[in-house]
């Protein structure tokens, strides 16, 4: 296959610049006193009422966190031990940021590759993310947040929005922990790397900083 250098790298936030989302899910399930599968079924039921799946009502900005939390609580068979309208507080509590990967992104940017953040985000979670990133936010030439656009990955329209911010001429790569998002990015014409662990992704970024090319 043809090879192509990368001009723009788009990085996910949760699960890439943080520990795996499964850890946060387990933490919030413990705090709520409800097994995660039961909690997830209620979350998905709320989304299904809107013709969506999973966290999409929050990630697309269709419901406030408070309203969403109330609906999820109503869909549960028992009352949770925490207010689910405060989901973000529990989701991000004691959650570290991936500083080695952020440093690798900074080195990649210094090499001439533009860096964007493409994140399925929630309006009420932004203060937590800002506190986690602090000065590291300067690494990013652009940030595309799903809740501001009412579009979320893997919808291909979000990749088109990203291209408006940082045109790549097709030479873009998505670094994401979601296989479905990576497939959607490839279908859009980007390259994609499924993030599994920090060391692997740091090695990838080092290759790109050396201006290595990857199979398209």
Protein backbone atom coordinates (compact mmCIF):
# COMPACT_ATOMS: atom_id res chain seq x y z
CA UNK A 1 0.00 0.00 0.00
CA UNK A 2 1.06 3.59 -0.53
CA UNK A 3 2.72 5.38 2.32
CA UNK A 4 1.94 8.91 3.42
CA UNK A 5 3.54 11.21 6.00
CA UNK A 6 1.32 12.59 8.74
CA UNK A 7 0.59 16.33 8.75
CA UNK A 8 -2.00 16.39 11.55
CA UNK A 9 -2.51 14.09 14.53
CA UNK A 10 -5.83 14.13 16.35
CA UNK A 11 -5.74 12.73 19.88
CA UNK A 12 -8.67 11.53 21.97
CA UNK A 13 -8.87 12.57 25.64
CA UNK A 14 -10.58 9.99 27.86
CA UNK A 15 -8.83 6.63 27.77
CA UNK A 16 -5.82 8.02 25.91
CA UNK A 17 -4.68 11.05 27.90
CA UNK A 18 -6.18 9.41 30.99
CA UNK A 19 -6.14 5.83 32.31
CA UNK A 20 -8.64 3.46 30.65
CA UNK A 21 -12.27 4.50 30.96
CA UNK A 22 -12.99 1.06 32.42
CA UNK A 23 -11.17 2.16 35.57
CA UNK A 24 -13.35 5.25 35.91
CA UNK A 25 -16.45 3.16 35.22
CA UNK A 26 -15.52 0.70 37.96
CA UNK A 27 -14.89 3.56 40.39
CA UNK A 28 -18.25 5.22 39.77
CA UNK A 29 -20.07 1.88 39.99
CA UNK A 30 -18.51 1.29 43.42
CA UNK A 31 -19.47 4.78 44.55
CA UNK A 32 -23.03 4.29 43.32
CA UNK A 33 -23.29 0.83 44.86
CA UNK A 34 -24.61 -0.55 41.57
CA UNK A 35 -22.82 -3.03 39.29
CA UNK A 36 -21.57 -1.38 36.12
CA UNK A 37 -23.64 -3.61 33.76
CA UNK A 38 -26.82 -2.55 35.59
CA UNK A 39 -25.77 1.09 35.51
CA UNK A 40 -24.89 0.86 31.81
CA UNK A 41 -28.27 -0.66 30.94
CA UNK A 42 -29.98 2.33 32.55
CA UNK A 43 -27.67 4.73 30.70
CA UNK A 44 -28.42 3.00 27.41
CA UNK A 45 -32.16 3.04 28.13
CA UNK A 46 -32.07 6.82 28.56
CA UNK A 47 -30.20 7.14 25.28
CA UNK A 48 -32.59 4.75 23.53
CA UNK A 49 -35.52 7.02 24.40
CA UNK A 50 -33.79 9.64 22.22
CA UNK A 51 -32.90 7.23 19.45
CA UNK A 52 -29.27 7.08 20.59
CA UNK A 53 -26.88 4.75 22.39
CA UNK A 54 -24.71 4.98 25.50
CA UNK A 55 -23.45 8.38 26.58
CA UNK A 56 -24.52 10.10 23.36
CA UNK A 57 -27.16 12.38 24.97
CA UNK A 58 -24.40 13.93 27.10
CA UNK A 59 -21.67 13.82 24.47
CA UNK A 60 -23.89 15.55 21.93
CA UNK A 61 -25.05 18.15 24.43
CA UNK A 62 -28.70 17.14 24.13
CA UNK A 63 -29.25 16.81 27.89
CA UNK A 64 -27.67 18.62 30.80
CA UNK A 65 -25.76 16.41 33.20
CA UNK A 66 -28.40 17.10 35.87
CA UNK A 67 -31.32 16.07 33.63
CA UNK A 68 -29.43 13.06 32.31
CA UNK A 69 -28.57 11.94 35.85
CA UNK A 70 -32.21 12.18 36.92
CA UNK A 71 -33.31 10.08 33.95
CA UNK A 72 -30.67 7.43 34.60
CA UNK A 73 -31.66 7.24 38.27
CA UNK A 74 -35.30 6.76 37.24
CA UNK A 75 -34.29 3.91 34.92
CA UNK A 76 -32.41 2.03 37.65
CA UNK A 77 -34.02 -0.75 39.71
CA UNK A 78 -32.58 0.70 42.94
CA UNK A 79 -31.55 4.16 44.07
CA UNK A 80 -27.80 4.83 43.69
CA UNK A 81 -25.71 5.88 46.67
CA UNK A 82 -24.58 9.03 44.83
CA UNK A 83 -26.33 11.70 42.80
CA UNK A 84 -25.76 10.75 39.17
CA UNK A 85 -26.27 14.39 38.25
CA UNK A 86 -22.78 14.84 39.74
CA UNK A 87 -21.33 12.16 37.43
CA UNK A 88 -18.34 14.22 36.32
CA UNK A 89 -17.17 14.81 39.88
CA UNK A 90 -16.96 11.07 40.50
CA UNK A 91 -15.74 10.20 36.99
CA UNK A 92 -12.69 12.45 37.26
CA UNK A 93 -11.93 12.12 40.98
CA UNK A 94 -8.24 11.23 41.48
CA UNK A 95 -7.91 10.53 37.77
CA UNK A 96 -4.38 11.35 36.54
CA UNK A 97 -3.40 12.71 33.16
CA UNK A 98 -0.97 10.83 30.91
CA UNK A 99 2.06 13.13 31.13
CA UNK A 100 4.44 10.85 29.14
CA UNK A 101 2.03 10.85 26.22
CA UNK A 102 1.50 14.61 26.47
CA UNK A 103 5.28 15.08 26.40
CA UNK A 104 5.47 12.88 23.30
CA UNK A 105 2.75 14.98 21.67
CA UNK A 106 4.76 18.12 22.44
CA UNK A 107 7.85 16.62 20.79
CA UNK A 108 5.78 15.65 17.78
CA UNK A 109 4.45 19.20 17.51
CA UNK A 110 8.01 20.55 17.72
CA UNK A 111 8.86 18.33 14.74
CA UNK A 112 6.27 20.13 12.63
CA UNK A 113 3.16 17.96 12.96
CA UNK A 114 0.06 19.89 14.02
CA UNK A 115 -1.77 18.44 17.01
CA UNK A 116 -5.50 18.49 17.67
CA UNK A 117 -7.75 17.06 20.36
CA UNK A 118 -10.88 15.35 19.06
CA UNK A 119 -12.99 14.35 22.02
CA UNK A 120 -16.46 13.08 22.79
CA UNK A 121 -16.97 15.58 25.56
CA UNK A 122 -19.56 16.71 28.08
CA UNK A 123 -20.13 20.39 28.84
CA UNK A 124 -20.09 19.97 32.61
CA UNK A 125 -16.87 17.94 32.50
CA UNK A 126 -14.75 20.65 30.92
CA UNK A 127 -13.58 22.23 34.23
CA UNK A 128 -12.19 18.85 35.34
CA UNK A 129 -10.35 18.40 32.05
CA UNK A 130 -8.93 21.91 32.19
CA UNK A 131 -7.56 21.30 35.68
CA UNK A 132 -6.01 18.02 34.54
CA UNK A 133 -4.34 19.45 31.44
CA UNK A 134 -3.24 22.82 32.87
CA UNK A 135 -0.38 24.17 30.73
CA UNK A 136 -0.36 21.00 28.61
CA UNK A 137 -3.30 22.48 26.72
CA UNK A 138 -0.75 24.50 24.75
CA UNK A 139 0.23 21.30 22.95
CA UNK A 140 -2.99 21.45 20.95
CA UNK A 141 -3.38 23.62 17.88
CA UNK A 142 -7.13 22.98 17.90
CA UNK A 143 -9.71 21.27 20.10
CA UNK A 144 -12.96 19.84 18.72
CA UNK A 145 -15.51 18.98 21.42
CA UNK A 146 -18.53 16.89 20.52
CA UNK A 147 -20.95 18.67 22.84
CA UNK A 148 -20.24 21.99 21.12
CA UNK A 149 -21.16 20.53 17.72
CA UNK A 150 -23.96 18.11 18.67
CA UNK A 151 -21.95 15.47 16.77
CA UNK A 152 -19.81 12.75 18.32
CA UNK A 153 -17.41 10.09 17.12
CA UNK A 154 -17.89 7.81 15.21
CA UNK A 155 -20.16 10.09 13.16
CA UNK A 156 -18.05 11.01 10.09
CA UNK A 157 -19.28 14.59 10.29
CA UNK A 158 -17.05 15.18 13.31
CA UNK A 159 -13.99 14.35 11.21
CA UNK A 160 -15.13 16.88 8.63
CA UNK A 161 -15.38 19.49 11.40
CA UNK A 162 -11.85 18.59 12.50
CA UNK A 163 -10.59 19.04 8.93
CA UNK A 164 -12.06 22.55 8.92
CA UNK A 165 -9.93 23.40 11.95
CA UNK A 166 -6.70 21.74 10.82
CA UNK A 167 -6.78 20.86 7.10
CA UNK A 168 -4.59 17.83 6.48
CA UNK A 169 -4.99 17.09 2.81
CA UNK A 170 -5.87 13.56 3.85
CA UNK A 171 -2.65 13.19 5.87
CA UNK A 172 -4.29 12.95 9.30
CA UNK A 173 -4.10 10.26 11.97
CA UNK A 174 -6.50 9.63 14.85
CA UNK A 175 -5.13 8.28 18.14
CA UNK A 176 -8.14 6.85 19.96
CA UNK A 177 -9.00 4.06 22.40
CA UNK A 178 -12.23 3.18 20.58
CA UNK A 179 -11.99 0.62 17.78
CA UNK A 180 -15.24 1.87 16.24
CA UNK A 181 -13.85 5.42 16.16
CA UNK A 182 -10.67 4.23 14.48
CA UNK A 183 -12.67 2.37 11.84
CA UNK A 184 -14.77 5.46 11.19
CA UNK A 185 -11.64 7.61 10.83
CA UNK A 186 -10.20 5.17 8.29
CA UNK A 187 -13.48 5.16 6.38
CA UNK A 188 -13.27 8.96 6.30
CA UNK A 189 -9.83 8.76 4.71
CA UNK A 190 -7.59 9.29 7.73
CA UNK A 191 -5.15 6.87 9.26
CA UNK A 192 -5.83 5.64 12.79
CA UNK A 193 -4.03 3.99 15.68
CA UNK A 194 -5.95 2.11 18.35
CA UNK A 195 -4.49 3.17 21.71
CA UNK A 196 -3.99 0.17 23.98
CA UNK A 197 -1.20 1.30 26.29
CA UNK A 198 0.86 4.41 26.78
CA UNK A 199 4.25 2.92 25.86
CA UNK A 200 2.97 1.72 22.49
CA UNK A 201 1.48 5.12 21.65
CA UNK A 202 4.59 6.99 22.79
CA UNK A 203 6.65 4.82 20.44
CA UNK A 204 4.26 5.64 17.61
CA UNK A 205 4.60 9.37 18.25
CA UNK A 206 8.39 9.05 18.33
CA UNK A 207 8.28 7.43 14.89
CA UNK A 208 6.14 10.26 13.59
CA UNK A 209 8.45 12.86 15.12
CA UNK A 210 11.30 11.30 13.14
CA UNK A 211 9.09 11.88 10.10
CA UNK A 212 8.69 8.16 9.54
CA UNK A 213 5.75 7.29 7.32
CA UNK A 214 3.08 4.74 8.14
CA UNK A 215 1.12 2.48 5.82
CA UNK A 216 -2.03 4.30 4.72
